[in-house]
PDB file of N, CA and C in Angstrom:
ATOM      1  N   MET A   1      77.219  92.586 102.187  1.00  0.00           N
ATOM      2  CA  MET A   1      77.435  93.600 101.290  1.00  0.00           C
ATOM      3  C   MET A   1      76.082  94.316 101.041  1.00  0.00           C
ATOM      4  N   LYS A   2      75.442  95.338 101.379  1.00  0.00           N
ATOM      5  CA  LYS A   2      74.042  95.842 100.639  1.00  0.00           C
ATOM      6  C   LYS A   2      74.364  96.006  98.968  1.00  0.00           C
ATOM      7  N   ARG A   3      73.505  95.911  98.323  1.00  0.00           N
ATOM      8  CA  ARG A   3      73.524  96.448  96.732  1.00  0.00           C
ATOM      9  C   ARG A   3      73.885  97.739  96.797  1.00  0.00           C
ATOM     10  N   ARG A   4      73.445  98.866  97.299  1.00  0.00           N
ATOM     11  CA  ARG A   4      74.021 100.450  96.625  1.00  0.00           C
ATOM     12  C   ARG A   4      76.066 100.691  97.242  1.00  0.00           C
ATOM     13  N   ASP A   5      76.289  99.773  98.193  1.00  0.00           N
ATOM     14  CA  ASP A   5      77.791  99.168  98.230  1.00  0.00           C
ATOM     15  C   ASP A   5      78.302  98.577  97.054  1.00  0.00           C
ATOM     16  N   MET A   6      77.795  97.478  96.654  1.00  0.00           N
ATOM     17  CA  MET A   6      78.261  97.309  95.587  1.00  0.00           C
ATOM     18  C   MET A   6      78.176  97.863  94.397  1.00  0.00           C
ATOM     19  N   VAL A   7      77.191  98.525  93.921  1.00  0.00           N
ATOM     20  CA  VAL A   7      76.785  99.526  92.970  1.00  0.00           C
ATOM     21  C   VAL A   7      78.107 100.596  93.192  1.00  0.00           C
ATOM     22  N   LEU A   8      78.357 101.415  94.301  1.00  0.00           N
ATOM     23  CA  LEU A   8      79.505 102.644  94.447  1.00  0.00           C
ATOM     24  C   LEU A   8      80.841 101.842  93.662  1.00  0.00           C
ATOM     25  N   ALA A   9      81.137 100.105  94.426  1.00  0.00           N
ATOM     26  CA  ALA A   9      82.289  99.470  94.044  1.00  0.00           C
ATOM     27  C   ALA A   9      82.387  99.981  92.679  1.00  0.00           C
ATOM     28  N   VAL A  10      81.318  99.306  92.075  1.00  0.00           N
ATOM     29  CA  VAL A  10      81.709  99.311  90.430  1.00  0.00           C
ATOM     30  C   VAL A  10      81.803 100.547  89.581  1.00  0.00           C
ATOM     31  N   LEU A  11      81.031 101.581  90.208  1.00  0.00           N
ATOM     32  CA  LEU A  11      80.998 103.018  90.200  1.00  0.00           C
ATOM     33  C   LEU A  11      82.619 103.316  89.948  1.00  0.00           C
ATOM     34  N   ALA A  12      82.870 103.154  90.949  1.00  0.00           N
ATOM     35  CA  ALA A  12      84.543 103.773  91.549  1.00  0.00           C
ATOM     36  C   ALA A  12      85.632 102.815  90.602  1.00  0.00           C
ATOM     37  N   ALA A  13      85.475 101.555  90.979  1.00  0.00           N
ATOM     38  CA  ALA A  13      86.356 100.786  89.738  1.00  0.00           C
ATOM     39  C   ALA A  13      86.042 101.162  88.218  1.00  0.00           C
ATOM     40  N   GLY A  14      85.417 101.560  87.779  1.00  0.00           N
ATOM     41  CA  GLY A  14      85.136 101.754  86.652  1.00  0.00           C
ATOM     42  C   GLY A  14      85.514 103.456  86.793  1.00  0.00           C
ATOM     43  N   LEU A  15      85.814 104.888  87.339  1.00  0.00           N
ATOM     44  CA  LEU A  15      85.960 105.959  87.424  1.00  0.00           C
ATOM     45  C   LEU A  15      87.479 105.501  87.578  1.00  0.00           C
ATOM     46  N   GLY A  16      88.177 104.862  87.688  1.00  0.00           N
ATOM     47  CA  GLY A  16      89.570 104.366  88.493  1.00  0.00           C
ATOM     48  C   GLY A  16      90.254 103.716  86.853  1.00  0.00           C
ATOM     49  N   ALA A  17      89.288 103.042  86.234  1.00  0.00           N
ATOM     50  CA  ALA A  17      89.400 102.403  85.357  1.00  0.00           C
ATOM     51  C   ALA A  17      90.303 103.782  84.081  1.00  0.00           C
ATOM     52  N   VAL A  18      88.849 104.745  83.665  1.00  0.00           N
ATOM     53  CA  VAL A  18      89.032 105.663  82.740  1.00  0.00           C
ATOM     54  C   VAL A  18      89.864 106.436  83.238  1.00  0.00           C
ATOM     55  N   THR A  19      90.517 106.617  84.568  1.00  0.00           N
ATOM     56  CA  THR A  19      91.485 107.783  85.159  1.00  0.00           C
ATOM     57  C   THR A  19      93.003 106.899  84.513  1.00  0.00           C
ATOM     58  N   LEU A  20      92.978 105.703  84.453  1.00  0.00           N
ATOM     59  CA  LEU A  20      94.264 105.130  83.615  1.00  0.00           C
ATOM     60  C   LEU A  20      94.325 105.266  82.493  1.00  0.00           C
ATOM     61  N   VAL A  21      93.304 105.247  81.806  1.00  0.00           N
ATOM     62  CA  VAL A  21      93.166 105.356  80.149  1.00  0.00           C
ATOM     63  C   VAL A  21      93.087 106.464  79.436  1.00  0.00           C
ATOM     64  N   TYR A  22      92.749 107.720  80.435  1.00  0.00           N
ATOM     65  CA  TYR A  22      92.546 109.163  79.781  1.00  0.00           C
ATOM     66  C   TYR A  22      93.986 109.507  79.170  1.00  0.00           C
ATOM     67  N   HIS A  23      93.981 110.239  78.310  1.00  0.00           N
ATOM     68  CA  HIS A  23      94.814 110.743  77.633  1.00  0.00           C
ATOM     69  C   HIS A  23      94.952 111.946  77.317  1.00  0.00           C
ATOM     70  N   GLY A  24      94.101 112.797  77.720  1.00  0.00           N
ATOM     71  CA  GLY A  24      93.477 114.400  77.081  1.00  0.00           C
ATOM     72  C   GLY A  24      94.319 115.321  77.956  1.00  0.00           C
ATOM     73  N   PRO A  25      93.359 116.196  77.853  1.00  0.00           N
ATOM     74  CA  PRO A  25      94.054 118.013  78.529  1.00  0.00           C
ATOM     75  C   PRO A  25      93.664 117.563  80.435  1.00  0.00           C
ATOM     76  N   GLY A  26      94.586 117.842  80.819  1.00  0.00           N
ATOM     77  CA  GLY A  26      94.817 117.851  82.509  1.00  0.00           C
ATOM     78  C   GLY A  26      94.808 116.436  82.737  1.00  0.00           C
ATOM     79  N   ARG A  27      95.146 115.798  82.151  1.00  0.00           N
ATOM     80  CA  ARG A  27      96.089 114.206  82.165  1.00  0.00           C
ATOM     81  C   ARG A  27      96.775 113.720  84.135  1.00  0.00           C
ATOM     82  N   ALA A  28      97.406 114.712  84.069  1.00  0.00           N
ATOM     83  CA  ALA A  28      98.180 114.719  85.231  1.00  0.00           C
ATOM     84  C   ALA A  28      97.100 114.811  86.352  1.00  0.00           C
ATOM     85  N   PHE A  29      96.375 115.650  86.442  1.00  0.00           N
ATOM     86  CA  PHE A  29      95.273 116.310  87.734  1.00  0.00           C
ATOM     87  C   PHE A  29      94.446 114.860  87.600  1.00  0.00           C
ATOM     88  N   VAL A  30      93.651 114.633  86.391  1.00  0.00           N
ATOM     89  CA  VAL A  30      92.908 113.230  86.184  1.00  0.00           C
ATOM     90  C   VAL A  30      93.564 111.830  86.552  1.00  0.00           C
ATOM     91  N   ARG A  31      94.798 111.553  86.699  1.00  0.00           N
ATOM     92  CA  ARG A  31      95.249 110.403  86.828  1.00  0.00           C
ATOM     93  C   ARG A  31      96.121 110.645  88.515  1.00  0.00           C
ATOM     94  N   GLY A  32      96.195 111.803  88.616  1.00  0.00           N
ATOM     95  CA  GLY A  32      96.586 111.857  90.422  1.00  0.00           C
ATOM     96  C   GLY A  32      95.555 112.245  90.950  1.00  0.00           C
ATOM     97  N   HIS A  33      94.470 112.958  90.632  1.00  0.00           N
ATOM     98  CA  HIS A  33      93.716 113.424  91.800  1.00  0.00           C
ATOM     99  C   HIS A  33      92.357 113.088  92.069  1.00  0.00           C
ATOM    100  N   VAL A  34      91.880 112.611  90.506  1.00  0.00           N
ATOM    101  CA  VAL A  34      90.501 112.258  89.996  1.00  0.00           C
ATOM    102  C   VAL A  34      90.967 110.568  90.971  1.00  0.00           C
ATOM    103  N   GLY A  35      92.063 109.693  90.202  1.00  0.00           N
ATOM    104  CA  GLY A  35      91.924 108.475  90.894  1.00  0.00           C
ATOM    105  C   GLY A  35      92.454 108.344  92.151  1.00  0.00           C
ATOM    106  N   ASP A  36      92.557 108.865  92.811  1.00  0.00           N
ATOM    107  CA  ASP A  36      92.725 109.131  94.266  1.00  0.00           C
ATOM    108  C   ASP A  36      91.008 109.058  94.923  1.00  0.00           C
ATOM    109  N   VAL A  37      90.540 110.075  93.983  1.00  0.00           N
ATOM    110  CA  VAL A  37      89.181 110.112  94.749  1.00  0.00           C
ATOM    111  C   VAL A  37      88.471 108.498  94.633  1.00  0.00           C
ATOM    112  N   ALA A  38      88.685 108.078  93.234  1.00  0.00           N
ATOM    113  CA  ALA A  38      88.039 106.898  92.768  1.00  0.00           C
ATOM    114  C   ALA A  38      88.480 105.839  93.866  1.00  0.00           C
ATOM    115  N   ALA A  39      89.908 105.813  94.029  1.00  0.00           N
ATOM    116  CA  ALA A  39      90.348 104.676  94.658  1.00  0.00           C
ATOM    117  C   ALA A  39      89.536 104.849  96.297  1.00  0.00           C
ATOM    118  N   THR A  40      89.828 105.890  96.777  1.00  0.00           N
ATOM    119  CA  THR A  40      89.246 106.149  98.201  1.00  0.00           C
ATOM    120  C   THR A  40      87.485 105.475  98.154  1.00  0.00           C
ATOM    121  N   MET A  41      86.800 106.093  97.043  1.00  0.00           N
ATOM    122  CA  MET A  41      85.522 105.216  96.859  1.00  0.00           C
ATOM    123  C   MET A  41      85.869 103.702  97.238  1.00  0.00           C
ATOM    124  N   PHE A  42      86.315 103.534  96.303  1.00  0.00           N
ATOM    125  CA  PHE A  42      86.068 102.160  96.043  1.00  0.00           C
ATOM    126  C   PHE A  42      86.523 101.432  97.559  1.00  0.00           C
ATOM    127  N   VAL A  43      87.644 101.785  98.374  1.00  0.00           N
ATOM    128  CA  VAL A  43      87.689 101.386  99.721  1.00  0.00           C
ATOM    129  C   VAL A  43      86.752 101.488 100.560  1.00  0.00           C
ATOM    130  N   PHE A  44      86.181 102.558 100.614  1.00  0.00           N
ATOM    131  CA  PHE A  44      84.836 103.001 101.529  1.00  0.00           C
ATOM    132  C   PHE A  44      83.646 101.708 100.974  1.00  0.00           C
ATOM    133  N   ALA A  45      83.690 101.491  99.813  1.00  0.00           N
ATOM    134  CA  ALA A  45      82.302 100.430  99.413  1.00  0.00           C
ATOM    135  C   ALA A  45      82.594  99.108  99.640  1.00  0.00           C
ATOM    136  N   VAL A  46      83.790  99.264  99.506  1.00  0.00           N
ATOM    137  CA  VAL A  46      84.394  97.400  99.976  1.00  0.00           C
ATOM    138  C   VAL A  46      84.185  97.281 101.645  1.00  0.00           C
ATOM    139  N   LEU A  47      84.717  98.081 102.103  1.00  0.00           N
ATOM    140  CA  LEU A  47      84.554  98.226 103.578  1.00  0.00           C
ATOM    141  C   LEU A  47      83.031  98.370 103.834  1.00  0.00           C
ATOM    142  N   GLY A  48      81.848  98.361 102.733  1.00  0.00           N
ATOM    143  CA  GLY A  48      80.342  97.883 103.036  1.00  0.00           C
ATOM    144  C   GLY A  48      80.326  96.039 103.394  1.00  0.00           C
ATOM    145  N   LEU A  49      81.362  95.472 103.069  1.00  0.00           N
ATOM    146  CA  LEU A  49      81.418  94.124 103.896  1.00  0.00           C
ATOM    147  C   LEU A  49      81.587  93.892 105.387  1.00  0.00           C
ATOM    148  N   THR A  50      81.680  94.613 105.866  1.00  0.00           N
ATOM    149  CA  THR A  50      81.829  94.539 107.220  1.00  0.00           C
ATOM    150  C   THR A  50      80.270  95.654 107.920  1.00  0.00           C
ATOM    151  N   SER A  51      80.424  95.072 109.221  1.00  0.00           N
ATOM    152  CA  SER A  51      79.156  95.609 109.899  1.00  0.00           C
ATOM    153  C   SER A  51      79.092  96.746 110.018  1.00  0.00           C
ATOM    154  N   TRP A  52      80.189  97.497 109.564  1.00  0.00           N
ATOM    155  CA  TRP A  52      80.521  99.122 110.300  1.00  0.00           C
ATOM    156  C   TRP A  52      79.055  99.859 109.829  1.00  0.00           C
ATOM    157  N   ARG A  53      78.884 101.084 110.553  1.00  0.00           N
ATOM    158  CA  ARG A  53      78.340 102.346 110.274  1.00  0.00           C
ATOM    159  C   ARG A  53      79.142 102.893 109.310  1.00  0.00           C
ATOM    160  N   LEU A  54      78.111 104.050 108.600  1.00  0.00           N
ATOM    161  CA  LEU A  54      78.821 104.597 107.647  1.00  0.00           C
ATOM    162  C   LEU A  54      80.072 105.374 108.293  1.00  0.00           C
ATOM    163  N   ARG A  55      79.907 106.158 109.511  1.00  0.00           N
ATOM    164  CA  ARG A  55      80.769 106.862 109.988  1.00  0.00           C
ATOM    165  C   ARG A  55      82.334 106.240 110.424  1.00  0.00           C
ATOM    166  N   THR A  56      81.880 105.203 110.783  1.00  0.00           N
ATOM    167  CA  THR A  56      82.983 104.335 111.368  1.00  0.00           C
ATOM    168  C   THR A  56      83.808 103.570 109.699  1.00  0.00           C
ATOM    169  N   ARG A  57      83.169 103.800 108.575  1.00  0.00           N
ATOM    170  CA  ARG A  57      83.620 103.480 107.297  1.00  0.00           C
ATOM    171  C   ARG A  57      84.474 104.649 107.207  1.00  0.00           C
ATOM    172  N   ALA A  58      84.015 105.640 106.918  1.00  0.00           N
ATOM    173  CA  ALA A  58      84.360 106.971 106.160  1.00  0.00           C
ATOM    174  C   ALA A  58      86.105 107.242 107.239  1.00  0.00           C
ATOM    175  N   LEU A  59      86.088 106.656 108.278  1.00  0.00           N
ATOM    176  CA  LEU A  59      87.011 106.659 109.130  1.00  0.00           C
ATOM    177  C   LEU A  59      88.044 106.206 108.986  1.00  0.00           C
ATOM    178  N   VAL A  60      87.794 104.949 108.476  1.00  0.00           N
ATOM    179  CA  VAL A  60      88.880 103.753 108.950  1.00  0.00           C
ATOM    180  C   VAL A  60      89.354 103.945 107.059  1.00  0.00           C
ATOM    181  N   THR A  61      88.281 104.286 106.248  1.00  0.00           N
ATOM    182  CA  THR A  61      89.016 104.744 104.909  1.00  0.00           C
ATOM    183  C   THR A  61      89.964 106.044 104.930  1.00  0.00           C
ATOM    184  N   LEU A  62      89.618 107.027 105.510  1.00  0.00           N
ATOM    185  CA  LEU A  62      90.713 107.993 105.630  1.00  0.00           C
ATOM    186  C   LEU A  62      91.845 107.677 106.411  1.00  0.00           C
ATOM    187  N   GLY A  63      91.973 106.982 107.631  1.00  0.00           N
ATOM    188  CA  GLY A  63      93.025 106.606 107.861  1.00  0.00           C
ATOM    189  C   GLY A  63      94.161 105.414 107.365  1.00  0.00           C
ATOM    190  N   VAL A  64      93.234 104.641 106.327  1.00  0.00           N
ATOM    191  CA  VAL A  64      94.056 103.887 105.184  1.00  0.00           C
ATOM    192  C   VAL A  64      94.890 104.676 104.758  1.00  0.00           C
ATOM    193  N   ALA A  65      94.351 105.641 103.603  1.00  0.00           N
ATOM    194  CA  ALA A  65      94.604 106.407 102.873  1.00  0.00           C
ATOM    195  C   ALA A  65      95.429 107.535 103.520  1.00  0.00           C
ATOM    196  N   THR A  66      95.349 107.996 104.839  1.00  0.00           N
ATOM    197  CA  THR A  66      96.427 109.051 105.009  1.00  0.00           C
ATOM    198  C   THR A  66      97.554 108.144 105.298  1.00  0.00           C
ATOM    199  N   VAL A  67      97.622 106.642 105.806  1.00  0.00           N
ATOM    200  CA  VAL A  67      98.706 106.320 106.315  1.00  0.00           C
ATOM    201  C   VAL A  67      99.416 105.807 104.848  1.00  0.00           C
ATOM    202  N   ILE A  68      98.904 105.302 104.104  1.00  0.00           N
ATOM    203  CA  ILE A  68      99.784 105.034 102.515  1.00  0.00           C
ATOM    204  C   ILE A  68     100.528 106.649 102.253  1.00  0.00           C
ATOM    205  N   GLU A  69      99.473 107.556 102.264  1.00  0.00           N
ATOM    206  CA  GLU A  69      99.713 109.015 102.017  1.00  0.00           C
ATOM    207  C   GLU A  69     101.529 109.127 102.619  1.00  0.00           C
ATOM    208  N   VAL A  70     101.091 109.098 103.834  1.00  0.00           N
ATOM    209  CA  VAL A  70     102.530 109.796 104.596  1.00  0.00           C
ATOM    210  C   VAL A  70     103.587 108.522 104.602  1.00  0.00           C
ATOM    211  N   GLY A  71     103.092 107.036 104.564  1.00  0.00           N
ATOM    212  CA  GLY A  71     104.221 106.411 104.074  1.00  0.00           C
ATOM    213  C   GLY A  71     105.013 106.714 102.970  1.00  0.00           C
ATOM    214  N   GLN A  72     104.600 107.166 101.969  1.00  0.00           N
ATOM    215  CA  GLN A  72     105.058 107.461 100.414  1.00  0.00           C
ATOM    216  C   GLN A  72     106.272 108.558 100.859  1.00  0.00           C
ATOM    217  N   THR A  73     106.276 109.195 102.188  1.00  0.00           N
ATOM    218  CA  THR A  73     107.789 110.183 102.403  1.00  0.00           C
ATOM    219  C   THR A  73     108.773 108.556 102.373  1.00  0.00           C
ATOM    220  N   VAL A  74     108.668 107.609 103.139  1.00  0.00           N
ATOM    221  CA  VAL A  74     109.649 107.045 103.477  1.00  0.00           C
ATOM    222  C   VAL A  74     109.690 105.890 102.338  1.00  0.00           C
ATOM    223  N   TRP A  75     108.675 105.375 101.463  1.00  0.00           N
ATOM    224  CA  TRP A  75     109.237 104.327 100.429  1.00  0.00           C
ATOM    225  C   TRP A  75     107.902 104.452  99.145  1.00  0.00           C
ATOM    226  N   SER A  76     108.139 104.016  98.062  1.00  0.00           N
ATOM    227  CA  SER A  76     107.513 104.461  96.631  1.00  0.00           C
ATOM    228  C   SER A  76     106.985 103.232  96.372  1.00  0.00           C
ATOM    229  N   GLY A  77     105.541 102.968  96.195  1.00  0.00           N
ATOM    230  CA  GLY A  77     104.636 101.762  96.029  1.00  0.00           C
ATOM    231  C   GLY A  77     104.825 101.811  94.484  1.00  0.00           C
ATOM    232  N   GLY A  78     104.870 102.582  93.853  1.00  0.00           N
ATOM    233  CA  GLY A  78     104.164 102.864  92.024  1.00  0.00           C
ATOM    234  C   GLY A  78     103.108 103.116  92.014  1.00  0.00           C
ATOM    235  N   LEU A  79     101.921 102.033  91.029  1.00  0.00           N
ATOM    236  CA  LEU A  79     100.921 102.447  90.660  1.00  0.00           C
ATOM    237  C   LEU A  79     100.183 101.976  92.054  1.00  0.00           C
ATOM    238  N   ILE A  80      99.875 101.381  92.638  1.00  0.00           N
ATOM    239  CA  ILE A  80      98.707 101.023  93.843  1.00  0.00           C
ATOM    240  C   ILE A  80      99.005 102.349  95.284  1.00  0.00           C
ATOM    241  N   PHE A  81     100.055 102.255  95.207  1.00  0.00           N
ATOM    242  CA  PHE A  81     100.622 102.852  96.525  1.00  0.00           C
ATOM    243  C   PHE A  81     101.125 104.665  96.183  1.00  0.00           C
ATOM    244  N   GLY A  82     101.016 104.667  94.897  1.00  0.00           N
ATOM    245  CA  GLY A  82     102.036 105.962  94.528  1.00  0.00           C
ATOM    246  C   GLY A  82     102.991 105.993  94.861  1.00  0.00           C
ATOM    247  N   SER A  83     103.997 107.449  94.242  1.00  0.00           N
ATOM    248  CA  SER A  83     105.418 107.474  94.612  1.00  0.00           C
ATOM    249  C   SER A  83     105.784 108.554  95.165  1.00  0.00           C
ATOM    250  N   VAL A  84     104.881 109.284  95.183  1.00  0.00           N
ATOM    251  CA  VAL A  84     105.557 110.990  95.524  1.00  0.00           C
ATOM    252  C   VAL A  84     104.340 111.204  96.802  1.00  0.00           C
ATOM    253  N   PHE A  85     104.447 111.569  98.460  1.00  0.00           N
ATOM    254  CA  PHE A  85     103.824 112.246  99.018  1.00  0.00           C
ATOM    255  C   PHE A  85     103.671 113.969  98.420  1.00  0.00           C
ATOM    256  N   ASP A  86     102.231 113.912  98.159  1.00  0.00           N
ATOM    257  CA  ASP A  86     101.160 115.151  98.035  1.00  0.00           C
ATOM    258  C   ASP A  86     100.274 115.362  98.893  1.00  0.00           C
ATOM    259  N   PRO A  87     100.367 116.704  99.345  1.00  0.00           N
ATOM    260  CA  PRO A  87      99.326 116.844 100.232  1.00  0.00           C
ATOM    261  C   PRO A  87      97.929 117.312  99.829  1.00  0.00           C
ATOM    262  N   TRP A  88      97.848 117.441  98.137  1.00  0.00           N
ATOM    263  CA  TRP A  88      96.639 117.624  97.544  1.00  0.00           C
ATOM    264  C   TRP A  88      95.995 116.345  97.705  1.00  0.00           C
ATOM    265  N   ASP A  89      96.609 115.119  97.743  1.00  0.00           N
ATOM    266  CA  ASP A  89      96.151 113.701  97.609  1.00  0.00           C
ATOM    267  C   ASP A  89      95.409 113.515  98.571  1.00  0.00           C
ATOM    268  N   LEU A  90      95.725 114.226 100.092  1.00  0.00           N
ATOM    269  CA  LEU A  90      94.582 113.988 101.115  1.00  0.00           C
ATOM    270  C   LEU A  90      93.357 114.751 100.757  1.00  0.00           C
ATOM    271  N   ALA A  91      93.108 116.044 100.235  1.00  0.00           N
ATOM    272  CA  ALA A  91      92.027 116.616 100.018  1.00  0.00           C
ATOM    273  C   ALA A  91      91.061 115.404  99.163  1.00  0.00           C
ATOM    274  N   ALA A  92      91.848 114.574  98.027  1.00  0.00           N
ATOM    275  CA  ALA A  92      91.170 113.913  96.923  1.00  0.00           C
ATOM    276  C   ALA A  92      90.711 112.680  97.766  1.00  0.00           C
ATOM    277  N   TYR A  93      91.273 112.031  99.112  1.00  0.00           N
ATOM    278  CA  TYR A  93      90.898 111.229  99.770  1.00  0.00           C
ATOM    279  C   TYR A  93      89.894 111.687 100.241  1.00  0.00           C
ATOM    280  N   ILE A  94      89.766 112.736 101.100  1.00  0.00           N
ATOM    281  CA  ILE A  94      88.502 113.182 101.407  1.00  0.00           C
ATOM    282  C   ILE A  94      87.062 113.364 100.574  1.00  0.00           C
ATOM    283  N   VAL A  95      87.133 113.802  99.483  1.00  0.00           N
ATOM    284  CA  VAL A  95      86.576 114.069  98.568  1.00  0.00           C
ATOM    285  C   VAL A  95      86.080 112.742  98.343  1.00  0.00           C
ATOM    286  N   GLY A  96      86.727 111.901  97.634  1.00  0.00           N
ATOM    287  CA  GLY A  96      86.195 109.913  97.844  1.00  0.00           C
ATOM    288  C   GLY A  96      85.303 109.778  98.895  1.00  0.00           C
ATOM    289  N   VAL A  97      85.559 110.122 100.582  1.00  0.00           N
ATOM    290  CA  VAL A  97      84.914 109.441 101.323  1.00  0.00           C
ATOM    291  C   VAL A  97      83.699 110.280 100.713  1.00  0.00           C
ATOM    292  N   ILE A  98      83.691 111.593 101.007  1.00  0.00           N
ATOM    293  CA  ILE A  98      82.636 112.692 101.274  1.00  0.00           C
ATOM    294  C   ILE A  98      81.290 112.247  99.748  1.00  0.00           C
ATOM    295  N   VAL A  99      81.946 111.875  98.379  1.00  0.00           N
ATOM    296  CA  VAL A  99      81.007 110.741  97.703  1.00  0.00           C
ATOM    297  C   VAL A  99      80.428 110.137  97.790  1.00  0.00           C
ATOM    298  N   GLY A 100      81.634 109.012  98.494  1.00  0.00           N
ATOM    299  CA  GLY A 100      80.931 107.516  99.264  1.00  0.00           C
ATOM    300  C   GLY A 100      79.700 107.838  99.985  1.00  0.00           C
ATOM    301  N   LEU A 101      79.715 108.804 100.970  1.00  0.00           N
ATOM    302  CA  LEU A 101      78.827 108.792 102.020  1.00  0.00           C
ATOM    303  C   LEU A 101      77.261 109.344 101.773  1.00  0.00           C
ATOM    304  N   ALA A 102      77.838 109.989 100.708  1.00  0.00           N
ATOM    305  CA  ALA A 102      76.807 110.807 100.049  1.00  0.00           C
ATOM    306  C   ALA A 102      76.105 109.921  99.407  1.00  0.00           C
ATOM    307  N   TYR A 103      76.297 109.051  98.416  1.00  0.00           N
ATOM    308  CA  TYR A 103      75.820 107.854  97.581  1.00  0.00           C
ATOM    309  C   TYR A 103      75.331 107.443  98.690  1.00  0.00           C
ATOM    310  N   CYS A 104      76.226 106.313  99.380  1.00  0.00           N
ATOM    311  CA  CYS A 104      75.348 105.391 100.400  1.00  0.00           C
ATOM    312  C   CYS A 104      73.886 106.325 101.161  1.00  0.00           C
ATOM    313  N   ARG A 105      74.262 107.390 101.054  1.00  0.00           N
ATOM    314  CA  ARG A 105      72.561 108.185 102.425  1.00  0.00           C
ATOM    315  C   ARG A 105      72.053 108.151 101.101  1.00  0.00           C
ATOM    316  N   ALA A 106      72.259 109.124 100.201  1.00  0.00           N
ATOM    317  CA  ALA A 106      71.042 109.023  99.359  1.00  0.00           C
ATOM    318  C   ALA A 106      70.329 107.115  98.781  1.00  0.00           C
ATOM    319  N   HIS A 107      71.198 105.983  98.632  1.00  0.00           N
ATOM    320  CA  HIS A 107      70.683 105.185  98.432  1.00  0.00           C
ATOM    321  C   HIS A 107      70.748 104.051  99.759  1.00  0.00           C
ATOM    322  N   ASP A 108      70.331 104.844 101.093  1.00  0.00           N
ATOM    323  CA  ASP A 108      69.591 103.853 101.787  1.00  0.00           C
ATOM    324  C   ASP A 108      68.800 103.334 101.720  1.00  0.00           C
ATOM    325  N   GLU A 109      69.183 101.933 102.305  1.00  0.00           N
ATOM    326  CA  GLU A 109      67.646 101.499 102.270  1.00  0.00           C
ATOM    327  C   GLU A 109      66.859 101.917 103.773  1.00  0.00           C
ATOM    328  N   PRO A 110      65.519 101.637 103.750  1.00  0.00           N
ATOM    329  CA  PRO A 110      65.064 102.583 104.573  1.00  0.00           C
ATOM    330  C   PRO A 110      64.916 101.458 105.646  1.00  0.00           C
ATOM    331  N   ARG A 111      64.913 101.470 107.313  1.00  0.00           N
ATOM    332  CA  ARG A 111      64.945 101.022 108.320  1.00  0.00           C
ATOM    333  C   ARG A 111      63.958 100.879 109.141  1.00  0.00           C
ATOM    334  N   GLY A 112      63.440  99.901 109.307  1.00  0.00           N
ATOM    335  CA  GLY A 112      61.716  99.818 109.978  1.00  0.00           C
ATOM    336  C   GLY A 112      60.286  99.771 108.961  1.00  0.00           C
ATOM    337  N   PRO A 113      59.009  99.797 109.589  1.00  0.00           N
ATOM    338  CA  PRO A 113      58.194 100.169 109.042  1.00  0.00           C
ATOM    339  C   PRO A 113      58.467 101.261 108.134  1.00  0.00           C
ATOM    340  N   VAL A 114      57.274 101.653 106.691  1.00  0.00           N
ATOM    341  CA  VAL A 114      57.514 102.766 106.239  1.00  0.00           C
ATOM    342  C   VAL A 114      55.962 103.406 106.742  1.00  0.00           C
ATOM    343  N   PRO A 115      55.942 104.725 107.001  1.00  0.00           N
ATOM    344  CA  PRO A 115      54.680 105.336 107.631  1.00  0.00           C
ATOM    345  C   PRO A 115      53.859 105.494 106.783  1.00  0.00           C
ATOM    346  N   SER A 116      52.527 105.095 107.154  1.00  0.00           N
ATOM    347  CA  SER A 116      51.382 104.971 106.219  1.00  0.00           C
ATOM    348  C   SER A 116      50.886 106.479 105.923  1.00  0.00           C
ATOM    349  N   GLN A 117      50.080 106.704 105.256  1.00  0.00           N
ATOM    350  CA  GLN A 117      50.155 107.958 104.532  1.00  0.00           C
ATOM    351  C   GLN A 117      48.469 107.758 104.776  1.00  0.00           C
TER     352      GLN A 117
END
């Protein structure tokens, strides 16, 4: 796992923890959707343990999140998997993956030799 992925995982876990203890205005939005963004960022970061490219990690993350969300139409998982299907959660998952991709690309280690000036 690259350092950038570890940092992203810590940031995502921190954001997720904040959403759990937040009790201010817009709590339902923060708890529901910002929490989903954080969870998706975390899964994306953990997939940094694989040798997959960023695109593959993004697609797998979205696939897992979508299966869990659609699965909520059949069963309820409580805190971890949610309890009600919400199509807006799918948008939150996309945002989480976009944030993860943007972070990784912004903090990508250089490949190959650095050009001389």
